[in-house]
Amino acid sequence: MNEIQVYLKRYPRGQFANVAQNRIRKLTAAVKETYDLEMEMWNKVKNSRNTGDFQNFLQAFPNGIFAGIAKSRIENLISLEVQTKELALWDGIKASRDPKDFEEYLHLYPQGQYADHARRLSRHLAALEIEREELEFWESVKESKNPADFDAYLAKYPEGRFGQAARKRRKAARLAKSIAEIDFGSYYALIVGNNDYRHLPKLRTAVNDAKAMAVLLQDKYRFELQLLLNATRADILRAINGYRRTLGQIDALNENQGILDATLLFSQIRRPVMVNTDQTPEYSDIRKAGHDGGDFLFVPRK
């Protein structure tokens, strides 16, 4: 149209002036029609929240009067949609105790509105998860008698919260295991409980004490034992001589060189116990306990 207007200005009465004027009128009408169509479509979509409406408008009028505004609306709606999705995701995970939820949020929105907060929560929850796993591991092995369990804990958590306790228990477990692997042979006990004496006053609890000791040694420690109640000297010597004949080469007490009473035995173990524990052991009768005394005799094989 601009070229035709230049022609008419230069040749207002030229040979093609009438044709040019008709062309201008037609073009003007076409422009007005296009404008009216654009206005009509714009009025329909200008308040829309759907990016597709503005994309259709731009497809119809890529160079229209409202093309720039339509493009701006598309950008704003896309941004709003992203923010809406981000907010919905954040609302869904903000109370979570799983660090993976916040890692997923950061993967989708590394520069998101809540990114800094998500990073802090992710680190905090990950640390708590490690502590929880360590505690569960420790609870599963802390009462173990197998030193390999403590080796596994220390290998996984060399600087763990329970490292010192694990090393102590591993040491104790190793010692217990080495002792358990020693073949001590069979354990024997001769228990004598006499209430009745020919030339001494009668006792009240010796028989019951002997029976209780027999039950304890048999049930808990698997001793092979003889229980003599109100036995004579001959009964006791007969039992002792029987042990001398039957004890094996590795049975407990086989290598004893003499009769070892409880007082002597206590004096031999008192110092090792004292230097390895927090208590100092003492040997004496328990007062007012209702018993009449008594002692142990450990008899060697001759």
C-alpha atoms as a PDB file:
ATOM      1  CA  MET A   1       0.000   0.000   0.000  1.00  0.00           C
ATOM      2  CA  ASN A   2       2.830   2.406   0.718  1.00  0.00           C
ATOM      3  CA  GLU A   3       4.188   2.027  -2.799  1.00  0.00           C
ATOM      4  CA  ILE A   4       0.763   2.782  -4.316  1.00  0.00           C
ATOM      5  CA  GLN A   5       0.418   5.888  -2.152  1.00  0.00           C
ATOM      6  CA  VAL A   6       3.843   7.084  -3.339  1.00  0.00           C
ATOM      7  CA  TYR A   7       2.746   6.523  -6.952  1.00  0.00           C
ATOM      8  CA  LEU A   8      -0.476   8.572  -6.474  1.00  0.00           C
ATOM      9  CA  LYS A   9       1.397  11.355  -4.779  1.00  0.00           C
ATOM     10  CA  ARG A  10       3.776  11.586  -7.702  1.00  0.00           C
ATOM     11  CA  TYR A  11       1.239  10.969 -10.455  1.00  0.00           C
ATOM     12  CA  PRO A  12      -2.168  12.039  -9.104  1.00  0.00           C
ATOM     13  CA  ARG A  13      -3.609  12.100 -12.624  1.00  0.00           C
ATOM     14  CA  GLY A  14      -1.462   9.419 -14.049  1.00  0.00           C
ATOM     15  CA  GLN A  15      -2.547   6.702 -16.419  1.00  0.00           C
ATOM     16  CA  PHE A  16      -3.010   4.213 -13.540  1.00  0.00           C
ATOM     17  CA  ALA A  17      -4.296   6.624 -10.912  1.00  0.00           C
ATOM     18  CA  ASN A  18      -7.826   5.139 -10.873  1.00  0.00           C
ATOM     19  CA  VAL A  19      -6.487   1.610 -10.598  1.00  0.00           C
ATOM     20  CA  ALA A  20      -4.197   2.648  -7.756  1.00  0.00           C
ATOM     21  CA  GLN A  21      -7.029   4.291  -5.842  1.00  0.00           C
ATOM     22  CA  ASN A  22      -9.204   1.185  -6.209  1.00  0.00           C
ATOM     23  CA  ARG A  23      -6.337  -0.940  -4.979  1.00  0.00           C
ATOM     24  CA  ILE A  24      -5.888   1.279  -1.918  1.00  0.00           C
ATOM     25  CA  ARG A  25      -9.581   1.056  -1.077  1.00  0.00           C
ATOM     26  CA  LYS A  26      -9.501  -2.752  -1.292  1.00  0.00           C
ATOM     27  CA  LEU A  27      -6.349  -2.995   0.781  1.00  0.00           C
ATOM     28  CA  THR A  28      -7.754  -0.642   3.393  1.00  0.00           C
ATOM     29  CA  ALA A  29     -10.894  -2.759   3.651  1.00  0.00           C
ATOM     30  CA  ALA A  30      -8.767  -5.934   3.975  1.00  0.00           C
ATOM     31  CA  VAL A  31      -6.641  -4.354   6.685  1.00  0.00           C
ATOM     32  CA  LYS A  32      -9.750  -3.293   8.594  1.00  0.00           C
ATOM     33  CA  GLU A  33     -11.224  -6.769   8.271  1.00  0.00           C
ATOM     34  CA  THR A  34      -8.005  -8.321   9.531  1.00  0.00           C
ATOM     35  CA  TYR A  35      -7.920  -5.862  12.393  1.00  0.00           C
ATOM     36  CA  ASP A  36     -11.505  -6.645  13.310  1.00  0.00           C
ATOM     37  CA  LEU A  37     -10.775 -10.377  13.263  1.00  0.00           C
ATOM     38  CA  GLU A  38      -7.699  -9.893  15.405  1.00  0.00           C
ATOM     39  CA  MET A  39      -9.613  -7.757  17.891  1.00  0.00           C
ATOM     40  CA  GLU A  40     -12.378 -10.322  18.066  1.00  0.00           C
ATOM     41  CA  MET A  41      -9.979 -13.168  18.732  1.00  0.00           C
ATOM     42  CA  TRP A  42      -7.939 -11.135  21.187  1.00  0.00           C
ATOM     43  CA  ASN A  43     -10.986 -10.231  23.212  1.00  0.00           C
ATOM     44  CA  LYS A  44     -11.754 -13.931  23.497  1.00  0.00           C
ATOM     45  CA  VAL A  45      -8.305 -14.999  24.762  1.00  0.00           C
ATOM     46  CA  LYS A  46      -6.864 -11.995  26.554  1.00  0.00           C
ATOM     47  CA  ASN A  47      -8.061 -13.157  30.013  1.00  0.00           C
ATOM     48  CA  SER A  48      -7.285 -16.832  29.447  1.00  0.00           C
ATOM     49  CA  ARG A  49      -5.025 -18.907  31.762  1.00  0.00           C
ATOM     50  CA  ASN A  50      -4.280 -21.385  29.017  1.00  0.00           C
ATOM     51  CA  THR A  51      -1.040 -20.965  27.081  1.00  0.00           C
ATOM     52  CA  GLY A  52      -2.622 -22.844  24.168  1.00  0.00           C
ATOM     53  CA  ASP A  53      -5.093 -19.978  23.554  1.00  0.00           C
ATOM     54  CA  PHE A  54      -2.304 -17.451  23.089  1.00  0.00           C
ATOM     55  CA  GLN A  55      -0.302 -19.874  20.943  1.00  0.00           C
ATOM     56  CA  ASN A  56      -3.336 -20.222  18.634  1.00  0.00           C
ATOM     57  CA  PHE A  57      -3.650 -16.435  18.514  1.00  0.00           C
ATOM     58  CA  LEU A  58       0.002 -16.054  17.499  1.00  0.00           C
ATOM     59  CA  GLN A  59      -0.412 -18.705  14.851  1.00  0.00           C
ATOM     60  CA  ALA A  60      -3.301 -16.713  13.365  1.00  0.00           C
ATOM     61  CA  PHE A  61      -1.721 -13.272  13.806  1.00  0.00           C
ATOM     62  CA  PRO A  62       2.061 -13.730  14.177  1.00  0.00           C
ATOM     63  CA  ASN A  63       2.646 -10.025  13.412  1.00  0.00           C
ATOM     64  CA  GLY A  64      -0.608  -8.700  14.865  1.00  0.00           C
ATOM     65  CA  ILE A  65      -1.056  -5.685  17.085  1.00  0.00           C
ATOM     66  CA  PHE A  66      -1.240  -7.890  20.192  1.00  0.00           C
ATOM     67  CA  ALA A  67       1.468 -10.381  19.210  1.00  0.00           C
ATOM     68  CA  GLY A  68       3.981  -8.976  21.695  1.00  0.00           C
ATOM     69  CA  ILE A  69       1.451  -9.056  24.519  1.00  0.00           C
ATOM     70  CA  ALA A  70       0.455 -12.624  23.621  1.00  0.00           C
ATOM     71  CA  LYS A  71       4.090 -13.768  23.812  1.00  0.00           C
ATOM     72  CA  SER A  72       4.492 -12.086  27.200  1.00  0.00           C
ATOM     73  CA  ARG A  73       1.321 -13.767  28.477  1.00  0.00           C
ATOM     74  CA  ILE A  74       2.656 -17.180  27.392  1.00  0.00           C
ATOM     75  CA  GLU A  75       5.909 -16.622  29.295  1.00  0.00           C
ATOM     76  CA  ASN A  76       4.031 -15.504  32.416  1.00  0.00           C
ATOM     77  CA  LEU A  77       1.657 -18.458  32.308  1.00  0.00           C
ATOM     78  CA  ILE A  78       4.492 -20.935  31.858  1.00  0.00           C
ATOM     79  CA  SER A  79       6.311 -19.378  34.819  1.00  0.00           C
ATOM     80  CA  LEU A  80       3.133 -19.462  36.901  1.00  0.00           C
ATOM     81  CA  GLU A  81       2.538 -23.097  35.972  1.00  0.00           C
ATOM     82  CA  VAL A  82       6.055 -24.017  37.025  1.00  0.00           C
ATOM     83  CA  GLN A  83       5.635 -22.160  40.311  1.00  0.00           C
ATOM     84  CA  THR A  84       2.306 -23.867  40.922  1.00  0.00           C
ATOM     85  CA  LYS A  85       3.805 -27.318  40.331  1.00  0.00           C
ATOM     86  CA  GLU A  86       6.805 -26.464  42.505  1.00  0.00           C
ATOM     87  CA  LEU A  87       4.566 -25.268  45.330  1.00  0.00           C
ATOM     88  CA  ALA A  88       2.415 -28.389  45.080  1.00  0.00           C
ATOM     89  CA  LEU A  89       5.501 -30.607  45.257  1.00  0.00           C
ATOM     90  CA  TRP A  90       6.939 -28.659  48.175  1.00  0.00           C
ATOM     91  CA  ASP A  91       3.682 -28.813  50.114  1.00  0.00           C
ATOM     92  CA  GLY A  92       3.710 -32.562  49.613  1.00  0.00           C
ATOM     93  CA  ILE A  93       7.240 -33.138  50.960  1.00  0.00           C
ATOM     94  CA  LYS A  94       7.998 -30.321  53.378  1.00  0.00           C
ATOM     95  CA  ALA A  95       7.085 -32.483  56.405  1.00  0.00           C
ATOM     96  CA  SER A  96       8.869 -35.574  55.053  1.00  0.00           C
ATOM     97  CA  ARG A  97      11.593 -37.428  56.992  1.00  0.00           C
ATOM     98  CA  ASP A  98      13.044 -38.991  53.860  1.00  0.00           C
ATOM     99  CA  PRO A  99      16.062 -37.109  52.407  1.00  0.00           C
ATOM    100  CA  LYS A 100      15.307 -38.620  48.984  1.00  0.00           C
ATOM    101  CA  ASP A 101      12.164 -36.470  48.726  1.00  0.00           C
ATOM    102  CA  PHE A 102      14.217 -33.290  48.979  1.00  0.00           C
ATOM    103  CA  GLU A 103      16.864 -34.641  46.610  1.00  0.00           C
ATOM    104  CA  GLU A 104      14.094 -35.215  44.024  1.00  0.00           C
ATOM    105  CA  TYR A 105      12.803 -31.666  44.552  1.00  0.00           C
ATOM    106  CA  LEU A 106      16.308 -30.256  44.009  1.00  0.00           C
ATOM    107  CA  HIS A 107      16.698 -32.366  40.882  1.00  0.00           C
ATOM    108  CA  LEU A 108      13.556 -30.772  39.432  1.00  0.00           C
ATOM    109  CA  TYR A 109      14.046 -27.262  40.828  1.00  0.00           C
ATOM    110  CA  PRO A 110      17.767 -26.680  41.546  1.00  0.00           C
ATOM    111  CA  GLN A 111      17.133 -22.918  41.664  1.00  0.00           C
ATOM    112  CA  GLY A 112      13.645 -23.212  43.093  1.00  0.00           C
ATOM    113  CA  GLN A 113      12.015 -21.006  45.653  1.00  0.00           C
ATOM    114  CA  TYR A 114      12.704 -23.543  48.433  1.00  0.00           C
ATOM    115  CA  ALA A 115      16.014 -24.913  47.160  1.00  0.00           C
ATOM    116  CA  ASP A 116      18.175 -23.648  50.044  1.00  0.00           C
ATOM    117  CA  HIS A 117      15.770 -24.994  52.642  1.00  0.00           C
ATOM    118  CA  ALA A 118      15.568 -28.310  50.807  1.00  0.00           C
ATOM    119  CA  ARG A 119      19.358 -28.641  50.823  1.00  0.00           C
ATOM    120  CA  ARG A 120      19.530 -28.035  54.574  1.00  0.00           C
ATOM    121  CA  LEU A 121      16.788 -30.559  55.272  1.00  0.00           C
ATOM    122  CA  SER A 122      18.344 -33.114  52.950  1.00  0.00           C
ATOM    123  CA  ARG A 123      21.716 -32.902  54.731  1.00  0.00           C
ATOM    124  CA  HIS A 124      20.101 -33.026  58.174  1.00  0.00           C
ATOM    125  CA  LEU A 125      17.874 -35.992  57.389  1.00  0.00           C
ATOM    126  CA  ALA A 126      20.701 -37.854  55.674  1.00  0.00           C
ATOM    127  CA  ALA A 127      22.799 -37.468  58.838  1.00  0.00           C
ATOM    128  CA  LEU A 128      19.893 -38.705  60.970  1.00  0.00           C
ATOM    129  CA  GLU A 129      19.437 -41.667  58.627  1.00  0.00           C
ATOM    130  CA  ILE A 130      23.104 -42.616  59.028  1.00  0.00           C
ATOM    131  CA  GLU A 131      22.777 -42.367  62.817  1.00  0.00           C
ATOM    132  CA  ARG A 132      19.621 -44.498  62.755  1.00  0.00           C
ATOM    133  CA  GLU A 133      21.284 -47.173  60.632  1.00  0.00           C
ATOM    134  CA  GLU A 134      24.320 -47.195  62.922  1.00  0.00           C
ATOM    135  CA  LEU A 135      22.113 -47.522  66.021  1.00  0.00           C
ATOM    136  CA  GLU A 136      20.182 -50.412  64.457  1.00  0.00           C
ATOM    137  CA  PHE A 137      23.456 -52.105  63.535  1.00  0.00           C
ATOM    138  CA  TRP A 138      24.802 -51.662  67.057  1.00  0.00           C
ATOM    139  CA  GLU A 139      21.600 -52.943  68.668  1.00  0.00           C
ATOM    140  CA  SER A 140      21.853 -56.069  66.519  1.00  0.00           C
ATOM    141  CA  VAL A 141      25.446 -56.905  67.580  1.00  0.00           C
ATOM    142  CA  LYS A 142      26.021 -55.381  71.018  1.00  0.00           C
ATOM    143  CA  GLU A 143      25.122 -58.570  72.914  1.00  0.00           C
ATOM    144  CA  SER A 144      26.954 -60.827  70.475  1.00  0.00           C
ATOM    145  CA  LYS A 145      29.601 -63.304  71.603  1.00  0.00           C
ATOM    146  CA  ASN A 146      31.152 -63.390  68.138  1.00  0.00           C
ATOM    147  CA  PRO A 147      34.084 -60.969  67.659  1.00  0.00           C
ATOM    148  CA  ALA A 148      33.399 -60.940  63.889  1.00  0.00           C
ATOM    149  CA  ASP A 149      30.190 -58.984  64.556  1.00  0.00           C
ATOM    150  CA  PHE A 150      32.157 -56.203  66.204  1.00  0.00           C
ATOM    151  CA  ASP A 151      34.733 -56.336  63.397  1.00  0.00           C
ATOM    152  CA  ALA A 152      31.883 -55.734  60.945  1.00  0.00           C
ATOM    153  CA  TYR A 153      30.574 -52.789  62.964  1.00  0.00           C
ATOM    154  CA  LEU A 154      34.010 -51.158  63.234  1.00  0.00           C
ATOM    155  CA  ALA A 155      34.698 -51.721  59.541  1.00  0.00           C
ATOM    156  CA  LYS A 156      31.499 -49.893  58.622  1.00  0.00           C
ATOM    157  CA  TYR A 157      31.696 -47.221  61.346  1.00  0.00           C
ATOM    158  CA  PRO A 158      35.387 -46.781  62.265  1.00  0.00           C
ATOM    159  CA  GLU A 159      34.580 -43.465  63.955  1.00  0.00           C
ATOM    160  CA  GLY A 160      31.109 -44.496  65.114  1.00  0.00           C
ATOM    161  CA  ARG A 161      29.357 -43.516  68.324  1.00  0.00           C
ATOM    162  CA  PHE A 162      29.898 -46.962  69.805  1.00  0.00           C
ATOM    163  CA  GLY A 163      33.441 -47.495  68.576  1.00  0.00           C
ATOM    164  CA  GLN A 164      35.024 -47.616  72.036  1.00  0.00           C
ATOM    165  CA  ALA A 165      32.401 -50.016  73.364  1.00  0.00           C
ATOM    166  CA  ALA A 166      32.716 -52.170  70.223  1.00  0.00           C
ATOM    167  CA  ARG A 167      36.499 -52.500  70.701  1.00  0.00           C
ATOM    168  CA  LYS A 168      36.089 -53.495  74.351  1.00  0.00           C
ATOM    169  CA  ARG A 169      33.397 -56.042  73.575  1.00  0.00           C
ATOM    170  CA  ARG A 170      35.387 -57.426  70.652  1.00  0.00           C
ATOM    171  CA  LYS A 171      38.335 -57.952  72.986  1.00  0.00           C
ATOM    172  CA  ALA A 172      36.118 -59.702  75.521  1.00  0.00           C
ATOM    173  CA  ALA A 173      34.475 -61.807  72.808  1.00  0.00           C
ATOM    174  CA  ARG A 174      37.858 -62.853  71.429  1.00  0.00           C
ATOM    175  CA  LEU A 175      38.998 -63.865  74.913  1.00  0.00           C
ATOM    176  CA  ALA A 176      35.777 -65.769  75.558  1.00  0.00           C
ATOM    177  CA  LYS A 177      36.025 -67.503  72.199  1.00  0.00           C
ATOM    178  CA  SER A 178      39.647 -68.531  72.797  1.00  0.00           C
ATOM    179  CA  ILE A 179      38.690 -69.919  76.209  1.00  0.00           C
ATOM    180  CA  ALA A 180      35.663 -71.705  74.764  1.00  0.00           C
ATOM    181  CA  GLU A 181      37.899 -73.425  72.221  1.00  0.00           C
ATOM    182  CA  ILE A 182      40.055 -74.933  74.976  1.00  0.00           C
ATOM    183  CA  ASP A 183      39.146 -78.521  75.813  1.00  0.00           C
ATOM    184  CA  PHE A 184      39.082 -78.639  79.594  1.00  0.00           C
ATOM    185  CA  GLY A 185      37.656 -82.128  79.646  1.00  0.00           C
ATOM    186  CA  SER A 186      34.781 -83.085  81.902  1.00  0.00           C
ATOM    187  CA  TYR A 187      33.879 -81.315  85.128  1.00  0.00           C
ATOM    188  CA  TYR A 188      33.331 -83.325  88.287  1.00  0.00           C
ATOM    189  CA  ALA A 189      32.087 -82.356  91.711  1.00  0.00           C
ATOM    190  CA  LEU A 190      31.799 -84.245  94.977  1.00  0.00           C
ATOM    191  CA  ILE A 191      29.311 -82.489  97.206  1.00  0.00           C
ATOM    192  CA  VAL A 192      29.029 -83.507 100.828  1.00  0.00           C
ATOM    193  CA  GLY A 193      26.249 -82.158 103.018  1.00  0.00           C
ATOM    194  CA  ASN A 194      26.246 -83.371 106.611  1.00  0.00           C
ATOM    195  CA  ASN A 195      23.785 -82.243 109.223  1.00  0.00           C
ATOM    196  CA  ASP A 196      24.498 -85.159 111.550  1.00  0.00           C
ATOM    197  CA  TYR A 197      27.866 -85.607 113.322  1.00  0.00           C
ATOM    198  CA  ARG A 198      28.775 -88.200 115.931  1.00  0.00           C
ATOM    199  CA  HIS A 199      30.837 -85.969 118.182  1.00  0.00           C
ATOM    200  CA  LEU A 200      29.795 -82.477 117.058  1.00  0.00           C
ATOM    201  CA  PRO A 201      26.565 -80.471 117.281  1.00  0.00           C
ATOM    202  CA  LYS A 202      24.138 -81.068 114.467  1.00  0.00           C
ATOM    203  CA  LEU A 203      23.823 -78.532 111.651  1.00  0.00           C
ATOM    204  CA  ARG A 204      20.545 -77.295 110.172  1.00  0.00           C
ATOM    205  CA  THR A 205      21.179 -76.280 106.561  1.00  0.00           C
ATOM    206  CA  ALA A 206      24.140 -78.282 105.285  1.00  0.00           C
ATOM    207  CA  VAL A 207      22.003 -80.911 103.531  1.00  0.00           C
ATOM    208  CA  ASN A 208      19.763 -78.340 101.859  1.00  0.00           C
ATOM    209  CA  ASP A 209      22.787 -76.263 100.817  1.00  0.00           C
ATOM    210  CA  ALA A 210      24.431 -79.319  99.277  1.00  0.00           C
ATOM    211  CA  LYS A 211      21.271 -80.202  97.354  1.00  0.00           C
ATOM    212  CA  ALA A 212      20.968 -76.635  96.020  1.00  0.00           C
ATOM    213  CA  MET A 213      24.615 -76.623  94.947  1.00  0.00           C
ATOM    214  CA  ALA A 214      24.140 -79.945  93.179  1.00  0.00           C
ATOM    215  CA  VAL A 215      21.172 -78.615  91.212  1.00  0.00           C
ATOM    216  CA  LEU A 216      23.113 -75.496  90.236  1.00  0.00           C
ATOM    217  CA  LEU A 217      26.216 -77.355  89.040  1.00  0.00           C
ATOM    218  CA  GLN A 218      24.224 -79.938  87.099  1.00  0.00           C
ATOM    219  CA  ASP A 219      21.669 -77.676  85.450  1.00  0.00           C
ATOM    220  CA  LYS A 220      23.751 -74.605  84.693  1.00  0.00           C
ATOM    221  CA  TYR A 221      27.322 -75.889  84.424  1.00  0.00           C
ATOM    222  CA  ARG A 222      26.778 -79.559  83.377  1.00  0.00           C
ATOM    223  CA  PHE A 223      28.939 -81.036  86.124  1.00  0.00           C
ATOM    224  CA  GLU A 224      29.072 -84.769  86.653  1.00  0.00           C
ATOM    225  CA  LEU A 225      28.700 -84.987  90.386  1.00  0.00           C
ATOM    226  CA  GLN A 226      28.147 -87.158  93.398  1.00  0.00           C
ATOM    227  CA  LEU A 227      25.990 -85.917  96.236  1.00  0.00           C
ATOM    228  CA  LEU A 228      26.716 -87.412  99.649  1.00  0.00           C
ATOM    229  CA  LEU A 229      24.308 -86.565 102.451  1.00  0.00           C
ATOM    230  CA  ASN A 230      25.227 -87.289 106.090  1.00  0.00           C
ATOM    231  CA  ALA A 231      28.169 -89.287 104.755  1.00  0.00           C
ATOM    232  CA  THR A 232      30.781 -91.051 106.865  1.00  0.00           C
ATOM    233  CA  ARG A 233      34.519 -90.660 106.519  1.00  0.00           C
ATOM    234  CA  ALA A 234      34.611 -93.965 104.680  1.00  0.00           C
ATOM    235  CA  ASP A 235      31.932 -92.758 102.224  1.00  0.00           C
ATOM    236  CA  ILE A 236      33.933 -89.638 101.438  1.00  0.00           C
ATOM    237  CA  LEU A 237      37.264 -91.458 100.970  1.00  0.00           C
ATOM    238  CA  ARG A 238      35.591 -94.047  98.751  1.00  0.00           C
ATOM    239  CA  ALA A 239      34.210 -91.303  96.514  1.00  0.00           C
ATOM    240  CA  ILE A 240      37.580 -89.508  96.359  1.00  0.00           C
ATOM    241  CA  ASN A 241      39.393 -92.704  95.429  1.00  0.00           C
ATOM    242  CA  GLY A 242      36.798 -93.298  92.726  1.00  0.00           C
ATOM    243  CA  TYR A 243      37.639 -89.967  91.163  1.00  0.00           C
ATOM    244  CA  ARG A 244      41.339 -90.821  91.225  1.00  0.00           C
ATOM    245  CA  ARG A 245      40.618 -93.875  89.097  1.00  0.00           C
ATOM    246  CA  THR A 246      38.219 -92.293  86.618  1.00  0.00           C
ATOM    247  CA  LEU A 247      39.560 -88.797  85.869  1.00  0.00           C
ATOM    248  CA  GLY A 248      40.876 -88.500  82.305  1.00  0.00           C
ATOM    249  CA  GLN A 249      44.083 -86.873  81.188  1.00  0.00           C
ATOM    250  CA  ILE A 250      42.451 -83.504  80.365  1.00  0.00           C
ATOM    251  CA  ASP A 251      39.651 -83.506  82.925  1.00  0.00           C
ATOM    252  CA  ALA A 252      39.525 -80.567  85.279  1.00  0.00           C
ATOM    253  CA  LEU A 253      41.584 -81.037  88.481  1.00  0.00           C
ATOM    254  CA  ASN A 254      43.580 -83.857  86.863  1.00  0.00           C
ATOM    255  CA  GLU A 255      46.873 -82.022  87.301  1.00  0.00           C
ATOM    256  CA  ASN A 256      46.324 -80.730  90.858  1.00  0.00           C
ATOM    257  CA  GLN A 257      49.217 -81.547  93.148  1.00  0.00           C
ATOM    258  CA  GLY A 258      47.302 -81.475  96.419  1.00  0.00           C
ATOM    259  CA  ILE A 259      43.972 -80.800  98.011  1.00  0.00           C
ATOM    260  CA  LEU A 260      43.096 -77.183  97.335  1.00  0.00           C
ATOM    261  CA  ASP A 261      40.539 -75.624  99.638  1.00  0.00           C
ATOM    262  CA  ALA A 262      38.442 -72.569  98.807  1.00  0.00           C
ATOM    263  CA  THR A 263      40.578 -70.199 100.893  1.00  0.00           C
ATOM    264  CA  LEU A 264      43.738 -71.074  98.984  1.00  0.00           C
ATOM    265  CA  LEU A 265      41.939 -70.978  95.669  1.00  0.00           C
ATOM    266  CA  PHE A 266      40.566 -67.524  96.488  1.00  0.00           C
ATOM    267  CA  SER A 267      43.998 -66.212  97.419  1.00  0.00           C
ATOM    268  CA  GLN A 268      45.325 -67.320  94.015  1.00  0.00           C
ATOM    269  CA  ILE A 269      42.600 -65.645  91.959  1.00  0.00           C
ATOM    270  CA  ARG A 270      42.093 -62.538  94.126  1.00  0.00           C
ATOM    271  CA  ARG A 271      44.859 -60.436  92.598  1.00  0.00           C
ATOM    272  CA  PRO A 272      44.002 -61.125  88.887  1.00  0.00           C
ATOM    273  CA  VAL A 273      40.377 -60.318  89.638  1.00  0.00           C
ATOM    274  CA  MET A 274      41.303 -57.173  91.558  1.00  0.00           C
ATOM    275  CA  VAL A 275      43.551 -55.681  88.851  1.00  0.00           C
ATOM    276  CA  ASN A 276      41.035 -56.377  86.073  1.00  0.00           C
ATOM    277  CA  THR A 277      37.839 -55.119  87.722  1.00  0.00           C
ATOM    278  CA  ASP A 278      36.591 -52.182  89.736  1.00  0.00           C
ATOM    279  CA  GLN A 279      35.985 -54.318  92.848  1.00  0.00           C
ATOM    280  CA  THR A 280      38.289 -55.879  95.393  1.00  0.00           C
ATOM    281  CA  PRO A 281      36.972 -59.388  96.150  1.00  0.00           C
ATOM    282  CA  GLU A 282      36.831 -60.534  99.752  1.00  0.00           C
ATOM    283  CA  TYR A 283      36.411 -64.076 101.075  1.00  0.00           C
ATOM    284  CA  SER A 284      34.336 -64.658 104.185  1.00  0.00           C
ATOM    285  CA  ASP A 285      31.125 -66.168 105.443  1.00  0.00           C
ATOM    286  CA  ILE A 286      27.983 -64.133 104.871  1.00  0.00           C
ATOM    287  CA  ARG A 287      26.661 -63.131 108.241  1.00  0.00           C
ATOM    288  CA  LYS A 288      23.078 -63.816 109.258  1.00  0.00           C
ATOM    289  CA  ALA A 289      22.447 -65.760 106.048  1.00  0.00           C
ATOM    290  CA  GLY A 290      21.148 -68.879 107.814  1.00  0.00           C
ATOM    291  CA  HIS A 291      23.956 -71.258 106.810  1.00  0.00           C
ATOM    292  CA  ASP A 292      26.424 -73.155 108.946  1.00  0.00           C
ATOM    293  CA  GLY A 293      29.583 -72.596 106.938  1.00  0.00           C
ATOM    294  CA  GLY A 294      31.210 -75.192 104.736  1.00  0.00           C
ATOM    295  CA  ASP A 295      33.916 -75.173 102.103  1.00  0.00           C
ATOM    296  CA  PHE A 296      35.073 -76.687  98.820  1.00  0.00           C
ATOM    297  CA  LEU A 297      37.854 -79.262  98.435  1.00  0.00           C
ATOM    298  CA  PHE A 298      39.590 -79.711  95.069  1.00  0.00           C
ATOM    299  CA  VAL A 299      41.203 -83.170  94.957  1.00  0.00           C
ATOM    300  CA  PRO A 300      44.087 -84.108  92.630  1.00  0.00           C
ATOM    301  CA  ARG A 301      44.609 -87.385  90.825  1.00  0.00           C
ATOM    302  CA  LYS A 302      47.549 -89.257  92.355  1.00  0.00           C
END
